[in-house]
Amino acid sequence: RGEIDLTTAGILWDTLDRVIQQVAIPKIEIDMGDVSFMDCAG
């Protein structure tokens, strides 16, 4: 929720990295509905 850019992409990276480290998650859905901006860092 918010803006994904050079200053905030690390927050998303850390969260997603923790999620994929979990055992046996067959599907990861990224609900982008509350993203107001994203640049190439995203």
Full PDB file with SEQRES, HELIX, SHEET, SSBOND, CRYST1, ORIGX, SCALE, CONECT and MASTER records, all heavy atoms in Angstrom:
SEQRES   1 A   42  ARG GLY GLU ILE ASP LEU THR THR ALA GLY ILE LEU TRP          
SEQRES   2 A   42  ASP THR LEU ASP ARG VAL ILE GLN GLN VAL ALA ILE PRO          
SEQRES   3 A   42  LYS ILE GLU ILE ASP MET GLY ASP VAL SER PHE MET ASP          
SEQRES   4 A   42  CYS ALA GLY                                                  
HELIX    1 AA1 ALA A    9  ILE A   20  1                                  12    
SHEET    1 AA1 2 GLY A   2  ILE A   4  0                                        
SHEET    2 AA1 2 VAL A  35  MET A  38  1                                        
CRYST1    1.000    1.000    1.000  90.00  90.00  90.00 P 1           1          
ORIGX1      1.000000  0.000000  0.000000        0.00000                         
ORIGX2      0.000000  1.000000  0.000000        0.00000                         
ORIGX3      0.000000  0.000000  1.000000        0.00000                         
SCALE1      1.000000  0.000000  0.000000        0.00000                         
SCALE2      0.000000  1.000000  0.000000        0.00000                         
SCALE3      0.000000  0.000000  1.000000        0.00000                         
ATOM      1  N   ARG A   1       0.865  -1.186   0.000  1.00  0.00           N  
ATOM      2  CA  ARG A   1       0.000   0.000   0.000  1.00  0.00           C  
ATOM      3  C   ARG A   1       0.894   1.226   0.000  1.00  0.00           C  
ATOM      4  O   ARG A   1       1.691   1.402   0.918  1.00  0.00           O  
ATOM      5  CB  ARG A   1      -0.892  -0.008   1.229  1.00  0.00           C  
ATOM      6  CG  ARG A   1      -1.843   1.151   1.277  1.00  0.00           C  
ATOM      7  CD  ARG A   1      -2.808   0.988   2.436  1.00  0.00           C  
ATOM      8  NE  ARG A   1      -3.740   2.075   2.429  1.00  0.00           N  
ATOM      9  CZ  ARG A   1      -3.792   3.023   3.358  1.00  0.00           C  
ATOM     10  NH1 ARG A   1      -2.968   2.975   4.390  1.00  0.00           N  
ATOM     11  NH2 ARG A   1      -4.657   4.001   3.263  1.00  0.00           N  
ATOM     12  N   GLY A   2       0.781   2.021  -1.053  1.00  0.00           N  
ATOM     13  CA  GLY A   2       1.587   3.234  -1.157  1.00  0.00           C  
ATOM     14  C   GLY A   2       2.401   3.242  -2.426  1.00  0.00           C  
ATOM     15  O   GLY A   2       1.970   2.747  -3.459  1.00  0.00           O  
ATOM     16  N   GLU A   3       3.618   3.790  -2.328  1.00  0.00           N  
ATOM     17  CA  GLU A   3       4.486   3.965  -3.480  1.00  0.00           C  
ATOM     18  C   GLU A   3       5.658   2.993  -3.432  1.00  0.00           C  
ATOM     19  O   GLU A   3       6.303   2.853  -2.398  1.00  0.00           O  
ATOM     20  CB  GLU A   3       5.004   5.399  -3.518  1.00  0.00           C  
ATOM     21  CG  GLU A   3       3.890   6.421  -3.619  1.00  0.00           C  
ATOM     22  CD  GLU A   3       4.391   7.852  -3.630  1.00  0.00           C  
ATOM     23  OE1 GLU A   3       5.621   8.067  -3.561  1.00  0.00           O  
ATOM     24  OE2 GLU A   3       3.551   8.752  -3.712  1.00  0.00           O  
ATOM     25  N   ILE A   4       5.910   2.340  -4.561  1.00  0.00           N  
ATOM     26  CA  ILE A   4       7.056   1.429  -4.672  1.00  0.00           C  
ATOM     27  C   ILE A   4       8.074   2.116  -5.578  1.00  0.00           C  
ATOM     28  O   ILE A   4       7.857   2.237  -6.781  1.00  0.00           O  
ATOM     29  CB  ILE A   4       6.647   0.063  -5.250  1.00  0.00           C  
ATOM     30  CG1 ILE A   4       5.531  -0.566  -4.423  1.00  0.00           C  
ATOM     31  CG2 ILE A   4       7.857  -0.858  -5.322  1.00  0.00           C  
ATOM     32  CD1 ILE A   4       4.920  -1.814  -5.039  1.00  0.00           C  
ATOM     33  N   ASP A   5       9.152   2.583  -4.961  1.00  0.00           N  
ATOM     34  CA  ASP A   5      10.195   3.273  -5.713  1.00  0.00           C  
ATOM     35  C   ASP A   5      11.550   2.948  -5.098  1.00  0.00           C  
ATOM     36  O   ASP A   5      11.653   2.044  -4.261  1.00  0.00           O  
ATOM     37  CB  ASP A   5       9.931   4.783  -5.754  1.00  0.00           C  
ATOM     38  CG  ASP A   5       9.890   5.420  -4.379  1.00  0.00           C  
ATOM     39  OD1 ASP A   5      10.358   4.797  -3.400  1.00  0.00           O  
ATOM     40  OD2 ASP A   5       9.393   6.545  -4.267  1.00  0.00           O  
ATOM     41  N   LEU A   6      12.574   3.676  -5.485  1.00  0.00           N  
ATOM     42  CA  LEU A   6      13.925   3.396  -5.022  1.00  0.00           C  
ATOM     43  C   LEU A   6      14.036   3.425  -3.501  1.00  0.00           C  
ATOM     44  O   LEU A   6      14.752   2.620  -2.913  1.00  0.00           O  
ATOM     45  CB  LEU A   6      14.910   4.399  -5.647  1.00  0.00           C  
ATOM     46  CG  LEU A   6      16.375   4.159  -5.368  1.00  0.00           C  
ATOM     47  CD1 LEU A   6      16.807   2.790  -5.886  1.00  0.00           C  
ATOM     48  CD2 LEU A   6      17.210   5.256  -6.012  1.00  0.00           C  
ATOM     49  N   THR A   7      13.296   4.321  -2.851  1.00  0.00           N  
ATOM     50  CA  THR A   7      13.409   4.426  -1.393  1.00  0.00           C  
ATOM     51  C   THR A   7      12.581   3.404  -0.634  1.00  0.00           C  
ATOM     52  O   THR A   7      12.844   3.162   0.538  1.00  0.00           O  
ATOM     53  CB  THR A   7      13.023   5.846  -0.909  1.00  0.00           C  
ATOM     54  OG1 THR A   7      11.668   6.112  -1.274  1.00  0.00           O  
ATOM     55  CG2 THR A   7      13.930   6.898  -1.518  1.00  0.00           C  
ATOM     56  N   THR A   8      11.592   2.800  -1.281  1.00  0.00           N  
ATOM     57  CA  THR A   8      10.707   1.875  -0.562  1.00  0.00           C  
ATOM     58  C   THR A   8      10.766   0.440  -1.075  1.00  0.00           C  
ATOM     59  O   THR A   8      10.207  -0.454  -0.442  1.00  0.00           O  
ATOM     60  CB  THR A   8       9.244   2.351  -0.635  1.00  0.00           C  
ATOM     61  OG1 THR A   8       8.820   2.369  -1.995  1.00  0.00           O  
ATOM     62  CG2 THR A   8       9.061   3.729  -0.017  1.00  0.00           C  
ATOM     63  N   ALA A   9      11.416   0.198  -2.200  1.00  0.00           N  
ATOM     64  CA  ALA A   9      11.444  -1.152  -2.793  1.00  0.00           C  
ATOM     65  C   ALA A   9      12.064  -2.172  -1.840  1.00  0.00           C  
ATOM     66  O   ALA A   9      11.684  -3.341  -1.848  1.00  0.00           O  
ATOM     67  CB  ALA A   9      12.185  -1.140  -4.124  1.00  0.00           C  
ATOM     68  N   GLY A  10      12.998  -1.738  -0.999  1.00  0.00           N  
ATOM     69  CA  GLY A  10      13.619  -2.654  -0.041  1.00  0.00           C  
ATOM     70  C   GLY A  10      12.624  -3.229   0.952  1.00  0.00           C  
ATOM     71  O   GLY A  10      12.755  -4.384   1.378  1.00  0.00           O  
ATOM     72  N   ILE A  11      11.626  -2.450   1.311  1.00  0.00           N  
ATOM     73  CA  ILE A  11      10.582  -2.931   2.225  1.00  0.00           C  
ATOM     74  C   ILE A  11       9.819  -4.075   1.565  1.00  0.00           C  
ATOM     75  O   ILE A  11       9.578  -5.111   2.181  1.00  0.00           O  
ATOM     76  CB  ILE A  11       9.627  -1.780   2.604  1.00  0.00           C  
ATOM     77  CG1 ILE A  11      10.380  -0.683   3.361  1.00  0.00           C  
ATOM     78  CG2 ILE A  11       8.435  -2.295   3.422  1.00  0.00           C  
ATOM     79  CD1 ILE A  11       9.604   0.612   3.492  1.00  0.00           C  
ATOM     80  N   LEU A  12       9.444  -3.877   0.299  1.00  0.00           N  
ATOM     81  CA  LEU A  12       8.730  -4.929  -0.425  1.00  0.00           C  
ATOM     82  C   LEU A  12       9.622  -6.149  -0.610  1.00  0.00           C  
ATOM     83  O   LEU A  12       9.190  -7.279  -0.407  1.00  0.00           O  
ATOM     84  CB  LEU A  12       8.245  -4.404  -1.776  1.00  0.00           C  
ATOM     85  CG  LEU A  12       7.450  -5.383  -2.630  1.00  0.00           C  
ATOM     86  CD1 LEU A  12       6.188  -5.839  -1.906  1.00  0.00           C  
ATOM     87  CD2 LEU A  12       7.100  -4.747  -3.976  1.00  0.00           C  
ATOM     88  N   TRP A  13      10.889  -5.927  -0.966  1.00  0.00           N  
ATOM     89  CA  TRP A  13      11.842  -7.026  -1.155  1.00  0.00           C  
ATOM     90  C   TRP A  13      11.950  -7.862   0.115  1.00  0.00           C  
ATOM     91  O   TRP A  13      11.861  -9.085   0.075  1.00  0.00           O  
ATOM     92  CB  TRP A  13      13.206  -6.490  -1.552  1.00  0.00           C  
ATOM     93  CG  TRP A  13      14.243  -7.568  -1.613  1.00  0.00           C  
ATOM     94  CD1 TRP A  13      15.023  -8.014  -0.581  1.00  0.00           C  
ATOM     95  CD2 TRP A  13      14.567  -8.382  -2.727  1.00  0.00           C  
ATOM     96  NE1 TRP A  13      15.830  -9.044  -0.996  1.00  0.00           N  
ATOM     97  CE2 TRP A  13      15.568  -9.286  -2.318  1.00  0.00           C  
ATOM     98  CE3 TRP A  13      14.121  -8.420  -4.042  1.00  0.00           C  
ATOM     99  CZ2 TRP A  13      16.120 -10.218  -3.179  1.00  0.00           C  
ATOM    100  CZ3 TRP A  13      14.680  -9.351  -4.893  1.00  0.00           C  
ATOM    101  CH2 TRP A  13      15.667 -10.240  -4.467  1.00  0.00           C  
ATOM    102  N   ASP A  14      12.175  -7.209   1.258  1.00  0.00           N  
ATOM    103  CA  ASP A  14      12.334  -7.937   2.520  1.00  0.00           C  
ATOM    104  C   ASP A  14      11.102  -8.769   2.851  1.00  0.00           C  
ATOM    105  O   ASP A  14      11.203  -9.915   3.278  1.00  0.00           O  
ATOM    106  CB  ASP A  14      12.631  -6.970   3.670  1.00  0.00           C  
ATOM    107  CG  ASP A  14      14.012  -6.338   3.562  1.00  0.00           C  
ATOM    108  OD1 ASP A  14      14.861  -6.860   2.807  1.00  0.00           O  
ATOM    109  OD2 ASP A  14      14.237  -5.310   4.233  1.00  0.00           O  
ATOM    110  N   THR A  15       9.924  -8.186   2.636  1.00  0.00           N  
ATOM    111  CA  THR A  15       8.682  -8.905   2.932  1.00  0.00           C  
ATOM    112  C   THR A  15       8.519 -10.102   2.011  1.00  0.00           C  
ATOM    113  O   THR A  15       8.228 -11.214   2.465  1.00  0.00           O  
ATOM    114  CB  THR A  15       7.470  -7.967   2.797  1.00  0.00           C  
ATOM    115  OG1 THR A  15       7.656  -6.849   3.663  1.00  0.00           O  
ATOM    116  CG2 THR A  15       6.182  -8.686   3.150  1.00  0.00           C  
ATOM    117  N   LEU A  16       8.709  -9.888   0.709  1.00  0.00           N  
ATOM    118  CA  LEU A  16       8.552 -10.991  -0.246  1.00  0.00           C  
ATOM    119  C   LEU A  16       9.599 -12.078  -0.016  1.00  0.00           C  
ATOM    120  O   LEU A  16       9.297 -13.267  -0.123  1.00  0.00           O  
ATOM    121  CB  LEU A  16       8.633 -10.471  -1.679  1.00  0.00           C  
ATOM    122  CG  LEU A  16       7.450  -9.625  -2.138  1.00  0.00           C  
ATOM    123  CD1 LEU A  16       7.736  -9.004  -3.495  1.00  0.00           C  
ATOM    124  CD2 LEU A  16       6.175 -10.442  -2.176  1.00  0.00           C  
ATOM    125  N   ASP A  17      10.811 -11.670   0.333  1.00  0.00           N  
ATOM    126  CA  ASP A  17      11.864 -12.648   0.601  1.00  0.00           C  
ATOM    127  C   ASP A  17      11.487 -13.533   1.792  1.00  0.00           C  
ATOM    128  O   ASP A  17      11.680 -14.748   1.756  1.00  0.00           O  
ATOM    129  CB  ASP A  17      13.190 -11.930   0.852  1.00  0.00           C  
ATOM    130  CG  ASP A  17      14.354 -12.892   0.928  1.00  0.00           C  
ATOM    131  OD1 ASP A  17      14.477 -13.743   0.015  1.00  0.00           O  
ATOM    132  OD2 ASP A  17      15.128 -12.809   1.889  1.00  0.00           O  
ATOM    133  N   ARG A  18      10.921 -12.942   2.832  1.00  0.00           N  
ATOM    134  CA  ARG A  18      10.481 -13.739   3.990  1.00  0.00           C  
ATOM    135  C   ARG A  18       9.351 -14.685   3.600  1.00  0.00           C  
ATOM    136  O   ARG A  18       9.299 -15.822   4.061  1.00  0.00           O  
ATOM    137  CB  ARG A  18      10.047 -12.835   5.137  1.00  0.00           C  
ATOM    138  CG  ARG A  18      11.208 -12.220   5.884  1.00  0.00           C  
ATOM    139  CD  ARG A  18      10.770 -11.583   7.182  1.00  0.00           C  
ATOM    140  NE  ARG A  18       9.726 -10.590   7.013  1.00  0.00           N  
ATOM    141  CZ  ARG A  18       9.932  -9.272   6.913  1.00  0.00           C  
ATOM    142  NH1 ARG A  18      11.147  -8.802   6.968  1.00  0.00           N  
ATOM    143  NH2 ARG A  18       8.927  -8.442   6.778  1.00  0.00           N  
ATOM    144  N   VAL A  19       8.441 -14.225   2.743  1.00  0.00           N  
ATOM    145  CA  VAL A  19       7.316 -15.066   2.322  1.00  0.00           C  
ATOM    146  C   VAL A  19       7.821 -16.273   1.535  1.00  0.00           C  
ATOM    147  O   VAL A  19       7.404 -17.404   1.802  1.00  0.00           O  
ATOM    148  CB  VAL A  19       6.296 -14.254   1.484  1.00  0.00           C  
ATOM    149  CG1 VAL A  19       5.281 -15.177   0.814  1.00  0.00           C  
ATOM    150  CG2 VAL A  19       5.579 -13.241   2.364  1.00  0.00           C  
ATOM    151  N   ILE A  20       8.717 -16.067   0.587  1.00  0.00           N  
ATOM    152  CA  ILE A  20       9.146 -17.202  -0.235  1.00  0.00           C  
ATOM    153  C   ILE A  20      10.061 -18.154   0.522  1.00  0.00           C  
ATOM    154  O   ILE A  20      10.260 -19.280   0.079  1.00  0.00           O  
ATOM    155  CB  ILE A  20       9.807 -16.768  -1.562  1.00  0.00           C  
ATOM    156  CG1 ILE A  20      11.062 -15.967  -1.300  1.00  0.00           C  
ATOM    157  CG2 ILE A  20       8.836 -16.012  -2.423  1.00  0.00           C  
ATOM    158  CD1 ILE A  20      11.849 -15.674  -2.556  1.00  0.00           C  
ATOM    159  N   GLN A  21      10.585 -17.736   1.661  1.00  0.00           N  
ATOM    160  CA  GLN A  21      11.400 -18.633   2.474  1.00  0.00           C  
ATOM    161  C   GLN A  21      10.528 -19.617   3.263  1.00  0.00           C  
ATOM    162  O   GLN A  21      11.032 -20.601   3.798  1.00  0.00           O  
ATOM    163  CB  GLN A  21      12.286 -17.846   3.440  1.00  0.00           C  
ATOM    164  CG  GLN A  21      13.296 -16.953   2.760  1.00  0.00           C  
ATOM    165  CD  GLN A  21      14.231 -17.693   1.825  1.00  0.00           C  
ATOM    166  OE1 GLN A  21      14.621 -18.816   2.088  1.00  0.00           O  
ATOM    167  NE2 GLN A  21      14.590 -17.062   0.723  1.00  0.00           N  
ATOM    168  N   GLN A  22       9.223 -19.331   3.342  1.00  0.00           N  
ATOM    169  CA  GLN A  22       8.319 -20.224   4.044  1.00  0.00           C  
ATOM    170  C   GLN A  22       8.206 -21.540   3.279  1.00  0.00           C  
ATOM    171  O   GLN A  22       8.272 -21.572   2.054  1.00  0.00           O  
ATOM    172  CB  GLN A  22       6.925 -19.602   4.197  1.00  0.00           C  
ATOM    173  CG  GLN A  22       6.915 -18.288   4.935  1.00  0.00           C  
ATOM    174  CD  GLN A  22       7.388 -18.418   6.357  1.00  0.00           C  
ATOM    175  OE1 GLN A  22       7.001 -19.340   7.053  1.00  0.00           O  
ATOM    176  NE2 GLN A  22       8.233 -17.505   6.788  1.00  0.00           N  
ATOM    177  N   VAL A  23       7.988 -22.589   3.988  1.00  0.00           N  
ATOM    178  CA  VAL A  23       7.898 -23.915   3.377  1.00  0.00           C  
ATOM    179  C   VAL A  23       6.539 -24.090   2.715  1.00  0.00           C  
ATOM    180  O   VAL A  23       5.504 -23.737   3.274  1.00  0.00           O  
ATOM    181  CB  VAL A  23       8.116 -25.003   4.455  1.00  0.00           C  
ATOM    182  CG1 VAL A  23       7.973 -26.388   3.865  1.00  0.00           C  
ATOM    183  CG2 VAL A  23       9.467 -24.822   5.105  1.00  0.00           C  
ATOM    184  N   ALA A  24       6.538 -24.610   1.506  1.00  0.00           N  
ATOM    185  CA  ALA A  24       5.337 -25.074   0.806  1.00  0.00           C  
ATOM    186  C   ALA A  24       4.267 -24.000   0.623  1.00  0.00           C  
ATOM    187  O   ALA A  24       3.109 -24.207   0.939  1.00  0.00           O  
ATOM    188  CB  ALA A  24       4.746 -26.296   1.509  1.00  0.00           C  
ATOM    189  N   ILE A  25       4.636 -22.856   0.082  1.00  0.00           N  
ATOM    190  CA  ILE A  25       3.634 -21.870  -0.327  1.00  0.00           C  
ATOM    191  C   ILE A  25       3.468 -22.039  -1.832  1.00  0.00           C  
ATOM    192  O   ILE A  25       4.340 -21.646  -2.606  1.00  0.00           O  
ATOM    193  CB  ILE A  25       4.050 -20.432   0.030  1.00  0.00           C  
ATOM    194  CG1 ILE A  25       4.129 -20.274   1.546  1.00  0.00           C  
ATOM    195  CG2 ILE A  25       3.067 -19.436  -0.570  1.00  0.00           C  
ATOM    196  CD1 ILE A  25       4.526 -18.904   2.006  1.00  0.00           C  
ATOM    197  N   PRO A  26       2.361 -22.646  -2.260  1.00  0.00           N  
ATOM    198  CA  PRO A  26       2.207 -22.943  -3.685  1.00  0.00           C  
ATOM    199  C   PRO A  26       1.942 -21.706  -4.543  1.00  0.00           C  
ATOM    200  O   PRO A  26       2.269 -21.683  -5.723  1.00  0.00           O  
ATOM    201  CB  PRO A  26       1.026 -23.901  -3.742  1.00  0.00           C  
ATOM    202  CG  PRO A  26       0.279 -23.671  -2.481  1.00  0.00           C  
ATOM    203  CD  PRO A  26       1.275 -23.191  -1.465  1.00  0.00           C  
ATOM    204  N   LYS A  27       1.357 -20.656  -3.949  1.00  0.00           N  
ATOM    205  CA  LYS A  27       1.018 -19.483  -4.750  1.00  0.00           C  
ATOM    206  C   LYS A  27       1.238 -18.232  -3.912  1.00  0.00           C  
ATOM    207  O   LYS A  27       0.783 -18.148  -2.768  1.00  0.00           O  
ATOM    208  CB  LYS A  27      -0.429 -19.545  -5.210  1.00  0.00           C  
ATOM    209  CG  LYS A  27      -0.873 -18.339  -6.012  1.00  0.00           C  
ATOM    210  CD  LYS A  27      -2.339 -18.458  -6.401  1.00  0.00           C  
ATOM    211  CE  LYS A  27      -2.856 -17.213  -7.053  1.00  0.00           C  
ATOM    212  NZ  LYS A  27      -4.300 -17.284  -7.283  1.00  0.00           N  
ATOM    213  N   ILE A  28       1.915 -17.261  -4.525  1.00  0.00           N  
ATOM    214  CA  ILE A  28       2.073 -15.945  -3.914  1.00  0.00           C  
ATOM    215  C   ILE A  28       1.354 -14.957  -4.810  1.00  0.00           C  
ATOM    216  O   ILE A  28       1.669 -14.820  -5.989  1.00  0.00           O  
ATOM    217  CB  ILE A  28       3.555 -15.548  -3.777  1.00  0.00           C  
ATOM    218  CG1 ILE A  28       4.284 -16.543  -2.885  1.00  0.00           C  
ATOM    219  CG2 ILE A  28       3.675 -14.136  -3.222  1.00  0.00           C  
ATOM    220  CD1 ILE A  28       5.786 -16.347  -2.847  1.00  0.00           C  
ATOM    221  N   GLU A  29       0.362 -14.316  -4.250  1.00  0.00           N  
ATOM    222  CA  GLU A  29      -0.403 -13.299  -4.972  1.00  0.00           C  
ATOM    223  C   GLU A  29       0.013 -11.933  -4.448  1.00  0.00           C  
ATOM    224  O   GLU A  29       0.018 -11.707  -3.242  1.00  0.00           O  
ATOM    225  CB  GLU A  29      -1.898 -13.500  -4.756  1.00  0.00           C  
ATOM    226  CG  GLU A  29      -2.747 -12.402  -5.334  1.00  0.00           C  
ATOM    227  CD  GLU A  29      -4.208 -12.520  -4.954  1.00  0.00           C  
ATOM    228  OE1 GLU A  29      -4.683 -13.651  -4.691  1.00  0.00           O  
ATOM    229  OE2 GLU A  29      -4.884 -11.481  -4.898  1.00  0.00           O  
ATOM    230  N   ILE A  30       0.342 -11.031  -5.351  1.00  0.00           N  
ATOM    231  CA  ILE A  30       0.642  -9.658  -4.981  1.00  0.00           C  
ATOM    232  C   ILE A  30      -0.558  -8.827  -5.407  1.00  0.00           C  
ATOM    233  O   ILE A  30      -0.796  -8.623  -6.598  1.00  0.00           O  
ATOM    234  CB  ILE A  30       1.915  -9.119  -5.673  1.00  0.00           C  
ATOM    235  CG1 ILE A  30       3.067 -10.099  -5.553  1.00  0.00           C  
ATOM    236  CG2 ILE A  30       2.272  -7.744  -5.127  1.00  0.00           C  
ATOM    237  CD1 ILE A  30       3.545 -10.351  -4.169  1.00  0.00           C  
ATOM    238  N   ASP A  31      -1.333  -8.370  -4.433  1.00  0.00           N  
ATOM    239  CA  ASP A  31      -2.511  -7.547  -4.697  1.00  0.00           C  
ATOM    240  C   ASP A  31      -2.045  -6.093  -4.792  1.00  0.00           C  
ATOM    241  O   ASP A  31      -1.741  -5.461  -3.796  1.00  0.00           O  
ATOM    242  CB  ASP A  31      -3.524  -7.723  -3.567  1.00  0.00           C  
ATOM    243  CG  ASP A  31      -4.791  -6.937  -3.790  1.00  0.00           C  
ATOM    244  OD1 ASP A  31      -4.802  -5.992  -4.605  1.00  0.00           O  
ATOM    245  OD2 ASP A  31      -5.798  -7.246  -3.116  1.00  0.00           O  
ATOM    246  N   MET A  32      -1.977  -5.578  -6.014  1.00  0.00           N  
ATOM    247  CA  MET A  32      -1.429  -4.243  -6.272  1.00  0.00           C  
ATOM    248  C   MET A  32      -2.484  -3.136  -6.199  1.00  0.00           C  
ATOM    249  O   MET A  32      -2.203  -1.997  -6.526  1.00  0.00           O  
ATOM    250  CB  MET A  32      -0.778  -4.232  -7.660  1.00  0.00           C  
ATOM    251  CG  MET A  32       0.329  -5.251  -7.857  1.00  0.00           C  
ATOM    252  SD  MET A  32       1.792  -4.884  -6.905  1.00  0.00           S  
ATOM    253  CE  MET A  32       2.505  -3.593  -7.907  1.00  0.00           C  
ATOM    254  N   GLY A  33      -3.676  -3.457  -5.737  1.00  0.00           N  
ATOM    255  CA  GLY A  33      -4.784  -2.513  -5.753  1.00  0.00           C  
ATOM    256  C   GLY A  33      -4.556  -1.222  -5.001  1.00  0.00           C  
ATOM    257  O   GLY A  33      -5.153  -0.200  -5.333  1.00  0.00           O  
ATOM    258  N   ASP A  34      -3.701  -1.225  -3.990  1.00  0.00           N  
ATOM    259  CA  ASP A  34      -3.456  -0.012  -3.207  1.00  0.00           C  
ATOM    260  C   ASP A  34      -2.102   0.626  -3.511  1.00  0.00           C  
ATOM    261  O   ASP A  34      -1.610   1.450  -2.741  1.00  0.00           O  
ATOM    262  CB  ASP A  34      -3.541  -0.328  -1.711  1.00  0.00           C  
ATOM    263  CG  ASP A  34      -4.970  -0.622  -1.271  1.00  0.00           C  
ATOM    264  OD1 ASP A  34      -5.906  -0.008  -1.828  1.00  0.00           O  
ATOM    265  OD2 ASP A  34      -5.152  -1.468  -0.379  1.00  0.00           O  
ATOM    266  N   VAL A  35      -1.494   0.249  -4.630  1.00  0.00           N  
ATOM    267  CA  VAL A  35      -0.225   0.860  -5.033  1.00  0.00           C  
ATOM    268  C   VAL A  35      -0.547   2.104  -5.852  1.00  0.00           C  
ATOM    269  O   VAL A  35      -1.196   2.035  -6.891  1.00  0.00           O  
ATOM    270  CB  VAL A  35       0.644  -0.130  -5.842  1.00  0.00           C  
ATOM    271  CG1 VAL A  35       1.874   0.558  -6.399  1.00  0.00           C  
ATOM    272  CG2 VAL A  35       1.026  -1.312  -4.968  1.00  0.00           C  
ATOM    273  N   SER A  36      -0.088   3.253  -5.371  1.00  0.00           N  
ATOM    274  CA  SER A  36      -0.382   4.519  -6.051  1.00  0.00           C  
ATOM    275  C   SER A  36       0.696   4.912  -7.050  1.00  0.00           C  
ATOM    276  O   SER A  36       0.467   5.762  -7.907  1.00  0.00           O  
ATOM    277  CB  SER A  36      -0.561   5.636  -5.021  1.00  0.00           C  
ATOM    278  OG  SER A  36       0.603   5.753  -4.214  1.00  0.00           O  
ATOM    279  N   PHE A  37       1.883   4.293  -6.960  1.00  0.00           N  
ATOM    280  CA  PHE A  37       2.987   4.612  -7.861  1.00  0.00           C  
ATOM    281  C   PHE A  37       3.988   3.469  -7.818  1.00  0.00           C  
ATOM    282  O   PHE A  37       4.206   2.871  -6.769  1.00  0.00           O  
ATOM    283  CB  PHE A  37       3.681   5.914  -7.420  1.00  0.00           C  
ATOM    284  CG  PHE A  37       4.907   6.236  -8.223  1.00  0.00           C  
ATOM    285  CD1 PHE A  37       4.810   6.853  -9.453  1.00  0.00           C  
ATOM    286  CD2 PHE A  37       6.169   5.927  -7.737  1.00  0.00           C  
ATOM    287  CE1 PHE A  37       5.942   7.145 -10.201  1.00  0.00           C  
ATOM    288  CE2 PHE A  37       7.308   6.217  -8.475  1.00  0.00           C  
ATOM    289  CZ  PHE A  37       7.192   6.831  -9.700  1.00  0.00           C  
ATOM    290  N   MET A  38       4.594   3.180  -8.956  1.00  0.00           N  
ATOM    291  CA  MET A  38       5.699   2.222  -8.984  1.00  0.00           C  
ATOM    292  C   MET A  38       6.654   2.625 -10.092  1.00  0.00           C  
ATOM    293  O   MET A  38       6.220   2.972 -11.193  1.00  0.00           O  
ATOM    294  CB  MET A  38       5.207   0.792  -9.218  1.00  0.00           C  
ATOM    295  CG  MET A  38       6.328  -0.234  -9.092  1.00  0.00           C  
ATOM    296  SD  MET A  38       5.766  -1.949  -9.090  1.00  0.00           S  
ATOM    297  CE  MET A  38       5.739  -2.303 -10.840  1.00  0.00           C  
ATOM    298  N   ASP A  39       7.957   2.591  -9.786  1.00  0.00           N  
ATOM    299  CA  ASP A  39       8.950   2.860 -10.815  1.00  0.00           C  
ATOM    300  C   ASP A  39       9.760   1.591 -11.073  1.00  0.00           C  
ATOM    301  O   ASP A  39       9.407   0.509 -10.600  1.00  0.00           O  
ATOM    302  CB  ASP A  39       9.823   4.066 -10.453  1.00  0.00           C  
ATOM    303  CG  ASP A  39      10.709   3.842  -9.241  1.00  0.00           C  
ATOM    304  OD1 ASP A  39      10.832   2.698  -8.755  1.00  0.00           O  
ATOM    305  OD2 ASP A  39      11.302   4.834  -8.757  1.00  0.00           O  
ATOM    306  N   CYS A  40      10.862   1.726 -11.798  1.00  0.00           N  
ATOM    307  CA  CYS A  40      11.654   0.556 -12.181  1.00  0.00           C  
ATOM    308  C   CYS A  40      12.247  -0.181 -10.990  1.00  0.00           C  
ATOM    309  O   CYS A  40      12.526  -1.381 -11.090  1.00  0.00           O  
ATOM    310  CB  CYS A  40      12.748   0.968 -13.153  1.00  0.00           C  
ATOM    311  SG  CYS A  40      12.074   1.428 -14.765  1.00  0.00           S  
ATOM    312  N   ALA A  41      12.415   0.490  -9.862  1.00  0.00           N  
ATOM    313  CA  ALA A  41      12.908  -0.203  -8.662  1.00  0.00           C  
ATOM    314  C   ALA A  41      11.911  -1.273  -8.228  1.00  0.00           C  
ATOM    315  O   ALA A  41      12.297  -2.340  -7.760  1.00  0.00           O  
ATOM    316  CB  ALA A  41      13.163   0.787  -7.530  1.00  0.00           C  
ATOM    317  N   GLY A  42      10.633  -1.005  -8.384  1.00  0.00           N  
ATOM    318  CA  GLY A  42       9.620  -2.004  -8.075  1.00  0.00           C  
ATOM    319  C   GLY A  42       9.702  -3.192  -9.011  1.00  0.00           C  
ATOM    320  O   GLY A  42       9.584  -4.345  -8.598  1.00  0.00           O  
TER     321      GLY A  42                                                      
MASTER        0    0    0    1    2    0    0    6  320    1    0    4          
END                                                                             
